[in-house]
N, C-alpha and C. Protein backbone atom coordinates (compact mmCIF):
# COMPACT_ATOMS: atom_id res chain seq x y z
N MET A 1 50.05 121.03 143.30
CA MET A 1 49.68 120.70 144.66
C MET A 1 50.65 119.68 145.23
N LYS A 2 50.92 119.77 146.51
CA LYS A 2 51.73 118.76 147.19
C LYS A 2 50.77 117.77 147.84
N ILE A 3 50.89 116.51 147.43
CA ILE A 3 49.96 115.47 147.86
C ILE A 3 50.74 114.28 148.41
N ILE A 4 50.28 113.75 149.55
CA ILE A 4 50.88 112.57 150.14
C ILE A 4 49.94 111.39 149.93
N VAL A 5 50.49 110.30 149.40
CA VAL A 5 49.75 109.06 149.21
C VAL A 5 50.32 108.03 150.18
N VAL A 6 49.48 107.53 151.08
CA VAL A 6 49.90 106.52 152.05
C VAL A 6 49.38 105.17 151.59
N GLY A 7 50.30 104.24 151.40
CA GLY A 7 49.94 102.90 150.95
C GLY A 7 50.08 102.81 149.44
N CYS A 8 51.03 102.03 148.99
CA CYS A 8 51.30 101.95 147.56
C CYS A 8 51.02 100.55 147.01
N GLY A 9 49.87 100.03 147.38
CA GLY A 9 49.39 98.80 146.78
C GLY A 9 48.80 99.12 145.41
N LYS A 10 47.91 98.28 144.93
CA LYS A 10 47.32 98.52 143.61
C LYS A 10 46.56 99.84 143.56
N GLY A 11 45.72 100.09 144.55
CA GLY A 11 44.93 101.32 144.58
C GLY A 11 45.77 102.56 144.75
N GLY A 12 46.69 102.52 145.73
CA GLY A 12 47.54 103.67 145.98
C GLY A 12 48.44 104.01 144.82
N THR A 13 48.97 102.98 144.16
CA THR A 13 49.84 103.21 143.01
C THR A 13 49.05 103.78 141.84
N SER A 14 47.82 103.33 141.66
CA SER A 14 46.98 103.86 140.60
C SER A 14 46.68 105.35 140.83
N VAL A 15 46.35 105.69 142.07
CA VAL A 15 46.09 107.09 142.42
C VAL A 15 47.37 107.91 142.22
N LEU A 16 48.48 107.38 142.70
CA LEU A 16 49.76 108.06 142.57
C LEU A 16 50.10 108.33 141.11
N ALA A 17 49.92 107.34 140.25
CA ALA A 17 50.22 107.50 138.83
C ALA A 17 49.37 108.61 138.21
N SER A 18 48.10 108.66 138.55
CA SER A 18 47.21 109.70 138.03
C SER A 18 47.65 111.08 138.50
N LEU A 19 47.98 111.19 139.79
CA LEU A 19 48.39 112.47 140.34
C LEU A 19 49.70 112.96 139.73
N VAL A 20 50.65 112.06 139.53
CA VAL A 20 51.92 112.42 138.90
C VAL A 20 51.67 112.85 137.46
N GLY A 21 50.79 112.14 136.75
CA GLY A 21 50.46 112.48 135.37
C GLY A 21 49.83 113.85 135.23
N GLU A 22 49.17 114.31 136.29
CA GLU A 22 48.56 115.64 136.29
C GLU A 22 49.54 116.72 136.70
N GLY A 23 50.78 116.34 137.01
CA GLY A 23 51.80 117.33 137.34
C GLY A 23 51.88 117.72 138.80
N ASN A 24 51.30 116.93 139.68
CA ASN A 24 51.34 117.24 141.10
C ASN A 24 52.67 116.81 141.72
N ASP A 25 53.01 117.44 142.82
CA ASP A 25 54.20 117.08 143.61
C ASP A 25 53.73 116.02 144.61
N VAL A 26 54.11 114.76 144.37
CA VAL A 26 53.57 113.65 145.15
C VAL A 26 54.66 113.03 146.02
N VAL A 27 54.26 112.67 147.25
CA VAL A 27 55.11 111.93 148.17
C VAL A 27 54.43 110.59 148.44
N ALA A 28 55.18 109.50 148.32
CA ALA A 28 54.65 108.16 148.56
C ALA A 28 55.16 107.63 149.90
N ILE A 29 54.25 107.09 150.71
CA ILE A 29 54.63 106.46 151.98
C ILE A 29 54.14 105.02 151.95
N ASP A 30 55.03 104.09 152.31
CA ASP A 30 54.64 102.69 152.42
C ASP A 30 55.57 102.01 153.43
N ASN A 31 55.06 100.94 154.07
CA ASN A 31 55.85 100.21 155.06
C ASN A 31 56.95 99.36 154.43
N SER A 32 56.78 98.97 153.21
CA SER A 32 57.69 98.03 152.55
C SER A 32 58.79 98.77 151.77
N GLN A 33 60.04 98.49 152.13
CA GLN A 33 61.15 99.14 151.43
C GLN A 33 61.20 98.72 149.97
N SER A 34 60.86 97.46 149.66
CA SER A 34 60.89 97.02 148.27
C SER A 34 59.83 97.73 147.43
N VAL A 35 58.68 98.00 148.02
CA VAL A 35 57.63 98.75 147.30
C VAL A 35 58.09 100.18 147.07
N ILE A 36 58.67 100.79 148.09
CA ILE A 36 59.17 102.17 147.97
C ILE A 36 60.27 102.25 146.91
N ASP A 37 61.16 101.26 146.89
CA ASP A 37 62.22 101.25 145.87
C ASP A 37 61.64 101.16 144.46
N GLU A 38 60.63 100.31 144.29
CA GLU A 38 60.00 100.16 142.98
C GLU A 38 59.28 101.44 142.55
N ILE A 39 58.54 102.04 143.45
CA ILE A 39 57.83 103.30 143.15
C ILE A 39 58.84 104.37 142.77
N GLY A 40 59.94 104.47 143.52
CA GLY A 40 60.97 105.46 143.24
C GLY A 40 61.63 105.27 141.89
N ASN A 41 61.72 104.03 141.44
CA ASN A 41 62.32 103.74 140.14
C ASN A 41 61.38 104.04 138.98
N ILE A 42 60.09 103.96 139.22
CA ILE A 42 59.10 104.15 138.15
C ILE A 42 58.65 105.60 138.04
N TYR A 43 58.40 106.25 139.18
CA TYR A 43 57.82 107.59 139.20
C TYR A 43 58.80 108.60 139.79
N ASP A 44 58.68 109.84 139.37
CA ASP A 44 59.50 110.92 139.89
C ASP A 44 58.80 111.51 141.11
N VAL A 45 58.88 110.77 142.23
CA VAL A 45 58.23 111.20 143.47
C VAL A 45 59.20 111.00 144.63
N MET A 46 58.97 111.74 145.70
CA MET A 46 59.70 111.51 146.94
C MET A 46 59.10 110.28 147.60
N CYS A 47 59.92 109.39 148.11
CA CYS A 47 59.43 108.16 148.73
C CYS A 47 59.92 108.08 150.17
N VAL A 48 59.02 107.68 151.06
CA VAL A 48 59.35 107.52 152.47
C VAL A 48 58.90 106.14 152.90
N CYS A 49 59.82 105.37 153.49
CA CYS A 49 59.47 104.05 154.01
C CYS A 49 59.11 104.21 155.48
N GLY A 50 57.89 103.82 155.83
CA GLY A 50 57.47 103.91 157.22
C GLY A 50 55.97 103.79 157.34
N ASN A 51 55.50 103.90 158.57
CA ASN A 51 54.09 103.81 158.89
C ASN A 51 53.43 105.17 158.65
N GLY A 52 52.43 105.21 157.81
CA GLY A 52 51.74 106.46 157.48
C GLY A 52 50.96 107.07 158.62
N ALA A 53 50.84 106.36 159.74
CA ALA A 53 50.16 106.89 160.92
C ALA A 53 51.16 107.40 161.97
N ASP A 54 52.45 107.26 161.69
CA ASP A 54 53.49 107.67 162.62
C ASP A 54 53.86 109.13 162.38
N SER A 55 53.91 109.91 163.45
CA SER A 55 54.16 111.36 163.30
C SER A 55 55.55 111.65 162.72
N ASP A 56 56.55 110.87 163.08
CA ASP A 56 57.89 111.10 162.53
C ASP A 56 57.92 110.84 161.02
N THR A 57 57.24 109.79 160.59
CA THR A 57 57.16 109.49 159.16
C THR A 57 56.45 110.61 158.42
N LEU A 58 55.37 111.09 158.99
CA LEU A 58 54.61 112.18 158.36
C LEU A 58 55.42 113.46 158.30
N MET A 59 56.19 113.75 159.35
CA MET A 59 57.04 114.94 159.34
C MET A 59 58.11 114.81 158.25
N GLU A 60 58.69 113.62 158.11
CA GLU A 60 59.71 113.38 157.07
C GLU A 60 59.12 113.56 155.68
N ALA A 61 57.85 113.18 155.53
CA ALA A 61 57.18 113.30 154.22
C ALA A 61 56.71 114.72 153.93
N GLY A 62 56.75 115.59 154.92
CA GLY A 62 56.33 116.98 154.73
C GLY A 62 54.85 117.21 154.87
N ALA A 63 54.21 116.45 155.73
CA ALA A 63 52.75 116.57 155.92
C ALA A 63 52.34 117.96 156.38
N LYS A 64 53.24 118.63 157.06
CA LYS A 64 52.94 119.98 157.57
C LYS A 64 52.62 120.95 156.44
N ASP A 65 53.23 120.74 155.27
CA ASP A 65 53.07 121.66 154.16
C ASP A 65 52.26 121.09 152.99
N CYS A 66 51.65 119.93 153.18
CA CYS A 66 50.94 119.32 152.04
C CYS A 66 49.54 119.91 151.87
N ASP A 67 49.04 119.82 150.65
CA ASP A 67 47.71 120.32 150.34
C ASP A 67 46.65 119.25 150.46
N LEU A 68 47.05 118.00 150.25
CA LEU A 68 46.09 116.89 150.25
C LEU A 68 46.79 115.66 150.79
N PHE A 69 46.07 114.89 151.60
CA PHE A 69 46.64 113.69 152.22
C PHE A 69 45.75 112.53 151.90
């Protein structure tokens, strides 16, 4: 499944880790570039820095084709 996780704080990162462990195709969105850089270094996921409520950010993350948001 293609899943987008918006917000990579403690809760979002925990959810992201579980989803990646289950073999899902995960995209991470967060406002903080340093958080996105850290997530990208730890997990094999696509990372997008931006506001998860912004349509351009969502289009870049592939929201049009995702199965779960």
